[in-house]
Amino acid sequence: MAQIYDEMKETVIAVYESLKDEANNIALILRETWPILALLLITLAIAFRFADPPPPNRIYMATGGPGSTYEALGKQYAEFFAKKGIKVELVSTHGAEENAVRILDRNDRIQVAFVQSGLIDPEKAKGIVSLGSIGYEPVWFFYRGQQHGASDERIQSFLKMRIAVGIEGSASYQQALQIMQLNGIERPPNMVSMPTKDGIKALQRGEVDAILVVDGFKSENVQNLLQDTTIGLANFKRAKAYAQVADYFERLEIPLGGYSLAKNIPPQDTELIATTINLVVDENLHPGIQYLFMEAAKSINGKESFFAKRGEFPSFKDSMLPESEVANRFIQRGTPLIMSYLPFWMAEFIDRMFILLLPIAVFVYPILLSIPGYRLKRIKSKLSKVYGDLKFLEQDISQAYNPNLRDEYIERLDALERQALTLKVPKSIVSDYYTLRSSIDFVRNSLSRNGAIYSS
């Protein structure tokens, strides 16, 4: 037991002395290289001052009214972000037009919004960027009965009807106005502004003759109207012309029986015009959050749907707005590799630090490599100085030895020895250090023998 105790004691002492030596070495390095280290700290402080801040943990997103496609989409995005530890506050609005107004308002808290293509004038798109289109939003024109042959060629006759177009600020209302303008028609007096759900009920009761709805294919409103046998769907035979004249319109098609083969709905090949839903963000929105929105769009909107092919969205189709550089990189290269394997917060931190530290490393790495050599050079310089002073003293003694100055010689030797004793040298040049001490002792011993070696 005593032997084991002694071995343990010796091990502890060895570890303690090793740690003590390392601590002393670090202290020496700090004392010797503090100017370089101070420069590095200043460089890092400046770099962090101008580095991107971490992403926010709360975002405000404009969606749409209750029961709308935008509201449903917003909830899916909020769920996606919640899994990443970020809260998306969904702000209910009247629809795409209000979203466009609010995202353009620099004093509004909205940072992200669903906006239809064509609603924002590119010349007025200051302070915002588009993350691209995330889906089609067809313009559905439903009317009572089949008396019009389901053709928009007779749009003049439709204008004689009472048409429900949604409330002001909604996508349906705005697109109705734009379609009229493209046909050279100002707002007709028989356009009735009312919520879409109320408009559908009014159409089914015969209180209005038609309704224009801008919404997704799977929306409850569109599905109810498609299944109502008393309601017809207008065929936009000039869909190609609309898409040609207005960049924000796309041409879509539902083939004969494409919705329901059993019920043969629609009863003929039907062309539609459609806008696209664009994800518009504040240009100052954190790049990491923009990447996350692209990931969400790929997951939520990238699947195959009635009109879209798998992987068709997100993409830049017809936004006409400034395009986000982050979104462009994502569309061209996909998800950054690091985000595929690490949690968002960790991947974003590493990515941000890498971008920050890479240029710093180019500057810092050579300096760090030079620190050991810098310290060694300073120590050698101090040793050389003492060696030089000793050499000059020995020359004074050997060339003009004066017994009366013996005490002065010894005092100068003592001063050199004190300088040598204050030096803290690394192990690599310990031999040089003790050679210096031996040289001082040699001169001292020569003087102790009454300067015989010098006076002879």
Protein backbone atom coordinates (compact mmCIF):
# COMPACT_ATOMS: atom_id res chain seq x y z
CA MET A 1 0.00 0.00 0.00
CA ALA A 2 2.81 2.37 0.87
CA GLN A 3 4.39 1.78 -2.53
CA ILE A 4 1.10 2.47 -4.30
CA TYR A 5 0.66 5.64 -2.24
CA ASP A 6 4.16 6.82 -3.14
CA GLU A 7 3.56 6.15 -6.85
CA MET A 8 0.28 8.08 -6.76
CA LYS A 9 1.97 10.93 -4.92
CA GLU A 10 4.76 11.09 -7.48
CA THR A 11 2.19 11.06 -10.32
CA VAL A 12 0.23 13.92 -8.77
CA ILE A 13 3.41 15.93 -8.21
CA ALA A 14 4.49 15.30 -11.82
CA VAL A 15 1.11 16.43 -13.16
CA TYR A 16 1.16 19.50 -10.92
CA GLU A 17 4.65 20.47 -12.03
CA SER A 18 3.76 19.92 -15.69
CA LEU A 19 0.72 22.14 -15.36
CA LYS A 20 2.76 24.72 -13.52
CA ASP A 21 5.39 24.71 -16.29
CA GLU A 22 2.69 25.12 -18.94
CA ALA A 23 1.13 27.98 -17.01
CA ASN A 24 4.51 29.65 -16.72
CA ASN A 25 5.09 29.17 -20.46
CA ILE A 26 1.73 30.74 -21.26
CA ALA A 27 2.48 33.65 -18.94
CA LEU A 28 5.85 34.11 -20.65
CA ILE A 29 4.26 34.02 -24.08
CA LEU A 30 1.69 36.62 -23.05
CA ARG A 31 4.38 38.90 -21.66
CA GLU A 32 6.58 38.52 -24.71
CA THR A 33 3.94 38.67 -27.43
CA TRP A 34 1.30 41.00 -25.99
CA PRO A 35 1.64 43.54 -28.84
CA ILE A 36 0.75 40.87 -31.43
CA LEU A 37 -2.07 39.47 -29.31
CA ALA A 38 -3.47 42.96 -28.77
CA LEU A 39 -3.46 43.48 -32.54
CA LEU A 40 -5.34 40.20 -33.01
CA LEU A 41 -7.97 41.16 -30.43
CA ILE A 42 -8.50 44.52 -32.09
CA THR A 43 -8.88 42.79 -35.47
CA LEU A 44 -11.44 40.35 -34.09
CA ALA A 45 -13.36 43.15 -32.38
CA ILE A 46 -13.58 45.09 -35.64
CA ALA A 47 -14.66 41.97 -37.54
CA PHE A 48 -17.41 41.11 -35.04
CA ARG A 49 -18.57 44.72 -35.11
CA PHE A 50 -19.36 44.45 -38.81
CA ALA A 51 -20.45 40.80 -38.83
CA ASP A 52 -24.05 39.77 -39.50
CA PRO A 53 -26.13 39.49 -36.32
CA PRO A 54 -27.73 36.15 -35.42
CA PRO A 55 -31.17 35.48 -36.96
CA PRO A 56 -34.24 36.73 -35.08
CA ASN A 57 -36.42 34.25 -33.22
CA ARG A 58 -39.68 35.97 -34.21
CA ILE A 59 -40.95 37.00 -37.68
CA TYR A 60 -44.15 38.77 -38.75
CA MET A 61 -45.86 37.39 -41.85
CA ALA A 62 -48.90 38.81 -43.68
CA THR A 63 -51.25 36.05 -44.86
CA GLY A 64 -54.92 36.57 -45.74
CA GLY A 65 -58.45 36.39 -44.43
CA PRO A 66 -60.04 33.51 -42.48
CA GLY A 67 -60.39 30.37 -44.59
CA SER A 68 -58.20 31.71 -47.41
CA THR A 69 -55.42 29.83 -49.18
CA TYR A 70 -52.95 32.36 -47.79
CA GLU A 71 -54.07 31.69 -44.23
CA ALA A 72 -53.70 27.92 -44.73
CA LEU A 73 -50.27 28.40 -46.31
CA GLY A 74 -49.20 30.67 -43.48
CA LYS A 75 -50.07 28.04 -40.91
CA GLN A 76 -47.93 25.47 -42.73
CA TYR A 77 -44.99 27.87 -42.81
CA ALA A 78 -45.46 28.67 -39.11
CA GLU A 79 -45.38 24.94 -38.28
CA PHE A 80 -42.23 24.46 -40.36
CA PHE A 81 -40.44 27.35 -38.60
CA ALA A 82 -41.61 26.23 -35.16
CA LYS A 83 -39.66 23.00 -35.66
CA LYS A 84 -36.56 25.15 -36.22
CA GLY A 85 -37.14 27.12 -33.00
CA ILE A 86 -38.45 30.29 -34.70
CA LYS A 87 -41.91 31.74 -34.15
CA VAL A 88 -43.76 33.10 -37.19
CA GLU A 89 -46.49 35.53 -36.16
CA LEU A 90 -49.28 35.29 -38.74
CA VAL A 91 -50.97 38.63 -39.40
CA SER A 92 -54.47 38.34 -40.89
CA THR A 93 -55.20 40.73 -43.78
CA HIS A 94 -57.83 41.26 -46.49
CA GLY A 95 -55.55 39.58 -49.00
CA ALA A 96 -52.75 40.05 -51.49
CA GLU A 97 -53.31 43.73 -52.23
CA GLU A 98 -53.17 44.70 -48.55
CA ASN A 99 -50.12 42.45 -48.17
CA ALA A 100 -48.41 44.35 -50.99
CA VAL A 101 -49.16 47.70 -49.34
CA ARG A 102 -47.93 46.58 -45.94
CA ILE A 103 -44.70 44.95 -47.11
CA LEU A 104 -43.83 48.18 -48.93
CA ASP A 105 -44.45 50.28 -45.81
CA ARG A 106 -41.06 50.62 -44.10
CA ASN A 107 -42.78 51.47 -40.80
CA ASP A 108 -44.92 48.33 -40.82
CA ARG A 109 -43.77 45.35 -38.75
CA ILE A 110 -44.50 42.94 -41.63
CA GLN A 111 -41.29 41.25 -42.84
CA VAL A 112 -42.76 38.56 -45.11
CA ALA A 113 -45.91 38.47 -47.21
CA PHE A 114 -47.76 36.42 -49.80
CA VAL A 115 -48.20 38.72 -52.80
CA GLN A 116 -49.65 37.98 -56.22
CA SER A 117 -47.52 38.73 -59.22
CA GLY A 118 -48.43 42.00 -60.85
CA LEU A 119 -49.71 43.72 -57.70
CA ILE A 120 -46.49 45.64 -56.98
CA ASP A 121 -45.11 48.13 -59.46
CA PRO A 122 -41.44 47.17 -59.96
CA GLU A 123 -40.47 50.86 -59.97
CA LYS A 124 -41.97 51.25 -56.49
CA ALA A 125 -40.46 48.05 -55.09
CA LYS A 126 -38.06 49.78 -52.74
CA GLY A 127 -36.68 47.85 -49.78
CA ILE A 128 -38.16 44.48 -50.73
CA VAL A 129 -37.00 41.41 -52.64
CA SER A 130 -38.76 38.33 -53.95
CA LEU A 131 -37.89 34.80 -52.86
CA GLY A 132 -39.68 33.60 -55.98
CA SER A 133 -43.04 32.10 -56.90
CA ILE A 134 -44.41 29.30 -54.75
CA GLY A 135 -47.57 28.32 -56.64
CA TYR A 136 -50.24 29.14 -59.17
CA GLU A 137 -53.34 31.09 -58.26
CA PRO A 138 -55.89 30.77 -61.10
CA VAL A 139 -58.48 33.41 -61.91
CA TRP A 140 -61.80 31.56 -61.76
CA PHE A 141 -64.85 33.18 -63.34
CA PHE A 142 -68.00 31.31 -62.34
CA TYR A 143 -71.50 32.21 -63.48
CA ARG A 144 -75.03 30.87 -63.19
CA GLY A 145 -76.20 28.52 -65.97
CA GLN A 146 -74.54 27.71 -69.31
CA GLN A 147 -76.18 30.37 -71.46
CA HIS A 148 -72.91 32.10 -72.33
CA GLY A 149 -71.18 29.09 -73.84
CA ALA A 150 -68.36 29.37 -71.29
CA SER A 151 -66.35 31.77 -73.43
CA ASP A 152 -64.65 35.00 -72.46
CA GLU A 153 -65.02 36.10 -76.08
CA ARG A 154 -68.38 37.42 -74.96
CA ILE A 155 -66.95 39.42 -72.06
CA GLN A 156 -69.15 42.36 -73.00
CA SER A 157 -72.23 40.31 -72.17
CA PHE A 158 -70.72 39.30 -68.84
CA LEU A 159 -70.31 42.96 -68.01
CA LYS A 160 -74.09 43.36 -68.09
CA MET A 161 -74.33 40.94 -65.18
CA ARG A 162 -73.94 41.64 -61.50
CA ILE A 163 -70.46 40.30 -60.68
CA ALA A 164 -69.16 39.68 -57.15
CA VAL A 165 -65.45 40.50 -57.05
CA GLY A 166 -64.39 40.26 -53.41
CA ILE A 167 -63.70 43.13 -51.05
CA GLU A 168 -61.26 45.93 -51.73
CA GLY A 169 -57.76 44.86 -50.76
CA SER A 170 -58.37 41.29 -51.89
CA ALA A 171 -56.65 39.54 -54.78
CA SER A 172 -59.99 38.88 -56.50
CA TYR A 173 -60.94 42.54 -56.46
CA GLN A 174 -57.59 43.71 -57.81
CA GLN A 175 -57.40 41.08 -60.56
CA ALA A 176 -60.95 41.89 -61.66
CA LEU A 177 -59.92 45.51 -62.17
CA GLN A 178 -56.77 44.49 -64.07
CA ILE A 179 -58.69 42.17 -66.41
CA MET A 180 -61.16 44.93 -67.13
CA GLN A 181 -58.34 47.39 -67.83
CA LEU A 182 -56.65 44.93 -70.22
CA ASN A 183 -59.92 44.83 -72.15
CA GLY A 184 -60.10 48.62 -72.18
CA ILE A 185 -62.96 48.77 -69.71
CA GLU A 186 -63.13 50.91 -66.59
CA ARG A 187 -64.73 49.60 -63.43
CA PRO A 188 -68.33 48.74 -64.40
CA PRO A 189 -71.06 49.90 -62.02
CA ASN A 190 -72.44 46.38 -61.67
CA MET A 191 -69.31 45.04 -59.92
CA VAL A 192 -70.34 44.12 -56.40
CA SER A 193 -67.69 44.24 -53.69
CA MET A 194 -68.31 41.62 -51.01
CA PRO A 195 -66.37 38.85 -49.19
CA THR A 196 -65.85 35.77 -51.36
CA LYS A 197 -67.90 33.45 -49.13
CA ASP A 198 -70.81 35.89 -49.20
CA GLY A 199 -70.42 36.25 -52.97
CA ILE A 200 -70.67 32.47 -53.47
CA LYS A 201 -73.86 32.33 -51.41
CA ALA A 202 -75.26 35.28 -53.36
CA LEU A 203 -74.39 33.51 -56.64
CA GLN A 204 -76.09 30.29 -55.53
CA ARG A 205 -79.19 32.23 -54.43
CA GLY A 206 -79.32 34.12 -57.71
CA GLU A 207 -78.64 37.50 -56.11
CA VAL A 208 -75.61 37.98 -58.40
CA ASP A 209 -74.99 36.50 -61.84
CA ALA A 210 -71.25 35.75 -61.61
CA ILE A 211 -68.29 35.79 -59.30
CA LEU A 212 -64.57 36.22 -59.93
CA VAL A 213 -62.40 34.25 -57.50
CA VAL A 214 -58.62 34.21 -57.36
CA ASP A 215 -57.70 31.19 -55.27
CA GLY A 216 -55.97 27.83 -55.35
CA PHE A 217 -57.50 24.76 -56.97
CA LYS A 218 -57.92 22.95 -53.67
CA SER A 219 -59.52 25.85 -51.85
CA GLU A 220 -62.90 25.13 -50.32
CA ASN A 221 -64.54 27.96 -52.27
CA VAL A 222 -63.32 26.75 -55.68
CA GLN A 223 -64.17 23.11 -54.96
CA ASN A 224 -67.73 23.99 -53.92
CA LEU A 225 -68.28 25.98 -57.10
CA LEU A 226 -66.79 23.30 -59.37
CA GLN A 227 -69.17 20.69 -57.96
CA ASP A 228 -72.28 22.88 -58.24
CA THR A 229 -74.05 21.77 -61.45
CA THR A 230 -75.96 25.04 -61.63
CA ILE A 231 -72.70 27.01 -61.91
CA GLY A 232 -70.59 27.30 -65.07
CA LEU A 233 -66.87 27.99 -65.39
CA ALA A 234 -65.77 30.53 -67.99
CA ASN A 235 -63.23 29.38 -70.56
CA PHE A 236 -60.51 31.97 -71.13
CA LYS A 237 -59.89 31.10 -74.78
CA ARG A 238 -57.56 34.06 -75.06
CA ALA A 239 -55.39 32.89 -72.14
CA LYS A 240 -52.28 32.95 -74.35
CA ALA A 241 -53.03 36.54 -75.27
CA TYR A 242 -53.43 37.53 -71.62
CA ALA A 243 -50.10 35.88 -70.79
CA GLN A 244 -48.50 37.65 -73.76
CA VAL A 245 -49.85 41.09 -72.90
CA ALA A 246 -49.40 40.87 -69.11
CA ASP A 247 -46.15 39.33 -67.85
CA TYR A 248 -47.74 38.48 -64.53
CA PHE A 249 -50.30 36.11 -66.08
CA GLU A 250 -49.70 32.43 -66.85
CA ARG A 251 -51.82 30.15 -69.03
CA LEU A 252 -53.24 26.99 -67.44
CA GLU A 253 -55.51 24.30 -68.82
CA ILE A 254 -58.03 21.82 -67.44
CA PRO A 255 -58.72 19.10 -70.01
CA LEU A 256 -62.22 17.76 -70.70
CA GLY A 257 -63.21 15.79 -67.58
CA GLY A 258 -59.91 16.74 -65.96
CA TYR A 259 -61.51 17.55 -62.64
CA SER A 260 -63.97 14.66 -62.57
CA LEU A 261 -64.17 11.95 -65.22
CA ALA A 262 -67.28 10.51 -63.61
CA LYS A 263 -69.15 13.81 -63.81
CA ASN A 264 -67.26 15.02 -66.90
CA ILE A 265 -66.20 18.25 -65.21
CA PRO A 266 -65.36 20.49 -66.95
CA PRO A 267 -67.52 19.59 -69.97
CA GLN A 268 -64.88 20.89 -72.41
CA ASP A 269 -61.18 21.72 -72.53
CA THR A 270 -60.97 24.85 -70.40
CA GLU A 271 -58.22 27.43 -70.42
CA LEU A 272 -57.54 29.65 -67.44
CA ILE A 273 -55.32 32.59 -66.68
CA ALA A 274 -53.42 32.53 -63.44
CA THR A 275 -51.12 34.65 -61.37
CA THR A 276 -48.43 33.20 -59.15
CA ILE A 277 -48.09 33.57 -55.40
CA ASN A 278 -44.81 35.29 -54.60
CA LEU A 279 -42.99 35.17 -51.32
CA VAL A 280 -41.91 38.78 -50.79
CA VAL A 281 -39.62 39.79 -47.94
CA ASP A 282 -37.96 42.83 -46.46
CA GLU A 283 -34.53 43.07 -48.11
CA ASN A 284 -32.96 43.30 -44.62
CA LEU A 285 -34.45 40.00 -43.50
CA HIS A 286 -31.62 37.84 -42.16
CA PRO A 287 -30.05 35.64 -44.90
CA GLY A 288 -30.40 32.57 -42.68
CA ILE A 289 -34.15 33.19 -42.38
CA GLN A 290 -34.42 33.67 -46.15
CA TYR A 291 -32.74 30.27 -46.63
CA LEU A 292 -35.19 28.78 -44.19
CA PHE A 293 -38.13 30.22 -46.12
CA MET A 294 -36.74 28.63 -49.28
CA GLU A 295 -36.49 25.32 -47.46
CA ALA A 296 -40.10 25.71 -46.30
CA ALA A 297 -41.25 26.59 -49.82
CA LYS A 298 -39.48 23.54 -51.22
CA SER A 299 -41.06 21.29 -48.60
CA ILE A 300 -44.56 22.78 -48.71
CA ASN A 301 -44.96 24.04 -52.29
CA GLY A 302 -42.49 21.86 -54.19
CA LYS A 303 -44.79 18.85 -54.39
CA GLU A 304 -46.82 17.91 -57.43
CA SER A 305 -50.26 19.52 -57.54
CA PHE A 306 -53.19 19.80 -59.97
CA PHE A 307 -51.41 22.47 -62.04
CA ALA A 308 -47.78 22.27 -60.95
CA LYS A 309 -45.18 19.61 -61.59
CA ARG A 310 -43.06 18.22 -58.80
CA GLY A 311 -40.15 20.58 -58.08
CA GLU A 312 -41.62 23.39 -60.22
CA PHE A 313 -41.75 25.65 -57.17
CA PRO A 314 -40.12 27.62 -55.68
CA SER A 315 -38.87 29.36 -58.83
CA PHE A 316 -38.66 32.78 -60.42
CA LYS A 317 -41.47 32.99 -62.97
CA ASP A 318 -43.02 36.41 -63.28
CA SER A 319 -42.57 38.42 -60.10
CA MET A 320 -40.92 41.36 -61.91
CA LEU A 321 -39.51 42.30 -58.50
CA PRO A 322 -35.85 42.43 -57.41
CA GLU A 323 -34.70 38.87 -56.78
CA SER A 324 -33.13 37.82 -53.50
CA GLU A 325 -29.50 36.71 -53.90
CA VAL A 326 -30.12 34.09 -51.22
CA ALA A 327 -33.09 32.68 -53.14
CA ASN A 328 -31.11 32.63 -56.38
CA ARG A 329 -28.30 30.66 -54.72
CA PHE A 330 -30.83 28.22 -53.27
CA ILE A 331 -32.59 27.68 -56.61
CA GLN A 332 -29.28 27.17 -58.43
CA ARG A 333 -27.41 25.10 -55.82
CA GLY A 334 -30.03 23.77 -53.43
CA THR A 335 -29.76 23.55 -49.67
CA PRO A 336 -26.32 24.29 -48.23
CA LEU A 337 -24.74 20.98 -47.23
CA ILE A 338 -24.19 22.06 -43.65
CA MET A 339 -27.94 22.74 -43.19
CA SER A 340 -28.75 19.21 -44.29
CA TYR A 341 -26.95 17.61 -41.35
CA LEU A 342 -27.06 20.11 -38.49
CA PRO A 343 -29.83 21.92 -36.60
CA PHE A 344 -30.64 25.30 -38.15
CA TRP A 345 -29.23 27.42 -35.32
CA MET A 346 -25.93 25.51 -35.33
CA ALA A 347 -25.61 25.43 -39.13
CA GLU A 348 -26.37 29.14 -39.36
CA PHE A 349 -23.85 29.97 -36.63
CA ILE A 350 -21.10 27.92 -38.28
CA ASP A 351 -21.89 29.39 -41.69
CA ARG A 352 -21.87 32.94 -40.33
CA MET A 353 -18.66 32.39 -38.38
CA PHE A 354 -16.99 30.73 -41.35
CA ILE A 355 -17.76 33.69 -43.60
CA LEU A 356 -16.51 35.99 -40.86
CA LEU A 357 -13.41 34.10 -39.80
CA LEU A 358 -12.16 32.99 -43.20
CA PRO A 359 -10.74 36.41 -44.17
CA ILE A 360 -9.53 36.91 -40.62
CA ALA A 361 -7.75 33.56 -40.69
CA VAL A 362 -5.83 34.63 -43.78
CA PHE A 363 -4.47 37.49 -41.69
CA VAL A 364 -4.33 35.80 -38.29
CA TYR A 365 -2.84 32.41 -39.19
CA PRO A 366 0.54 33.76 -40.32
CA ILE A 367 0.70 35.89 -37.17
CA LEU A 368 -0.04 32.92 -34.93
CA LEU A 369 2.65 30.93 -36.70
CA SER A 370 5.10 33.74 -36.15
CA ILE A 371 4.49 34.05 -32.39
CA PRO A 372 6.89 31.25 -31.30
CA GLY A 373 9.58 32.54 -33.64
CA TYR A 374 8.93 36.11 -32.52
CA ARG A 375 9.30 35.16 -28.87
CA LEU A 376 12.43 33.09 -29.51
CA LYS A 377 13.95 35.93 -31.48
CA ARG A 378 13.33 38.37 -28.61
CA ILE A 379 14.90 36.02 -26.05
CA LYS A 380 17.92 35.42 -28.28
CA SER A 381 18.21 39.16 -28.78
CA LYS A 382 18.35 39.67 -25.00
CA LEU A 383 20.92 36.89 -24.65
CA SER A 384 22.98 38.43 -27.44
CA LYS A 385 22.87 41.81 -25.74
CA VAL A 386 24.24 40.37 -22.50
CA TYR A 387 26.85 38.45 -24.50
CA GLY A 388 27.81 41.66 -26.28
CA ASP A 389 28.13 43.62 -23.03
CA LEU A 390 30.22 40.79 -21.54
CA LYS A 391 32.45 40.79 -24.61
CA PHE A 392 33.04 44.55 -24.36
CA LEU A 393 33.79 44.23 -20.64
CA GLU A 394 36.28 41.45 -21.29
CA GLN A 395 37.93 43.52 -24.04
CA ASP A 396 38.27 46.49 -21.66
CA ILE A 397 39.86 44.24 -19.08
CA SER A 398 42.17 42.33 -21.44
CA GLN A 399 43.34 45.37 -23.42
CA ALA A 400 43.75 47.86 -20.59
CA TYR A 401 43.57 46.01 -17.29
CA ASN A 402 43.78 48.35 -14.30
CA PRO A 403 44.00 46.72 -10.87
CA ASN A 404 42.52 49.88 -9.33
CA LEU A 405 39.30 49.33 -11.31
CA ARG A 406 38.85 45.75 -10.16
CA ASP A 407 35.79 46.58 -8.01
CA GLU A 408 34.20 48.37 -10.96
CA TYR A 409 34.85 45.33 -13.16
CA ILE A 410 33.16 43.08 -10.60
CA GLU A 411 30.21 45.45 -10.27
CA ARG A 412 29.71 45.40 -14.05
CA LEU A 413 29.90 41.60 -14.00
CA ASP A 414 27.30 41.46 -11.21
CA ALA A 415 24.99 43.67 -13.26
CA LEU A 416 25.35 41.36 -16.28
CA GLU A 417 24.68 38.34 -14.10
CA ARG A 418 21.53 39.96 -12.70
CA GLN A 419 20.35 40.60 -16.26
CA ALA A 420 20.97 36.95 -17.13
CA LEU A 421 19.10 35.74 -14.05
CA THR A 422 16.00 37.73 -15.01
CA LEU A 423 15.80 36.05 -18.40
CA LYS A 424 13.12 33.36 -18.78
CA VAL A 425 14.21 31.17 -21.66
CA PRO A 426 12.42 28.28 -23.41
CA LYS A 427 13.94 24.82 -23.20
CA SER A 428 15.12 24.98 -26.80
CA ILE A 429 17.85 27.52 -25.93
CA VAL A 430 18.62 26.55 -22.32
CA SER A 431 22.11 25.50 -23.41
CA ASP A 432 22.77 29.02 -24.75
CA TYR A 433 21.56 30.46 -21.48
CA TYR A 434 23.87 28.34 -19.34
CA THR A 435 26.75 28.99 -21.72
CA LEU A 436 26.24 32.70 -21.01
CA ARG A 437 26.22 32.05 -17.26
CA SER A 438 29.40 29.99 -17.59
CA SER A 439 31.08 32.79 -19.57
CA ILE A 440 30.23 35.31 -16.84
CA ASP A 441 31.67 32.94 -14.23
CA PHE A 442 34.81 32.50 -16.33
CA VAL A 443 35.47 36.25 -16.42
CA ARG A 444 34.67 36.52 -12.71
CA ASN A 445 37.08 33.68 -11.82
CA SER A 446 39.79 35.30 -13.89
CA LEU A 447 39.36 38.53 -11.95
CA SER A 448 39.33 36.60 -8.67
CA ARG A 449 42.84 35.41 -9.48
CA ASN A 450 43.93 39.07 -9.29
CA GLY A 451 43.49 39.53 -13.02
CA ALA A 452 46.51 37.35 -13.71
CA ILE A 453 45.15 36.13 -17.01
CA TYR A 454 44.65 39.70 -18.18
CA SER A 455 47.79 41.31 -16.74
CA SER A 456 50.19 38.75 -18.07
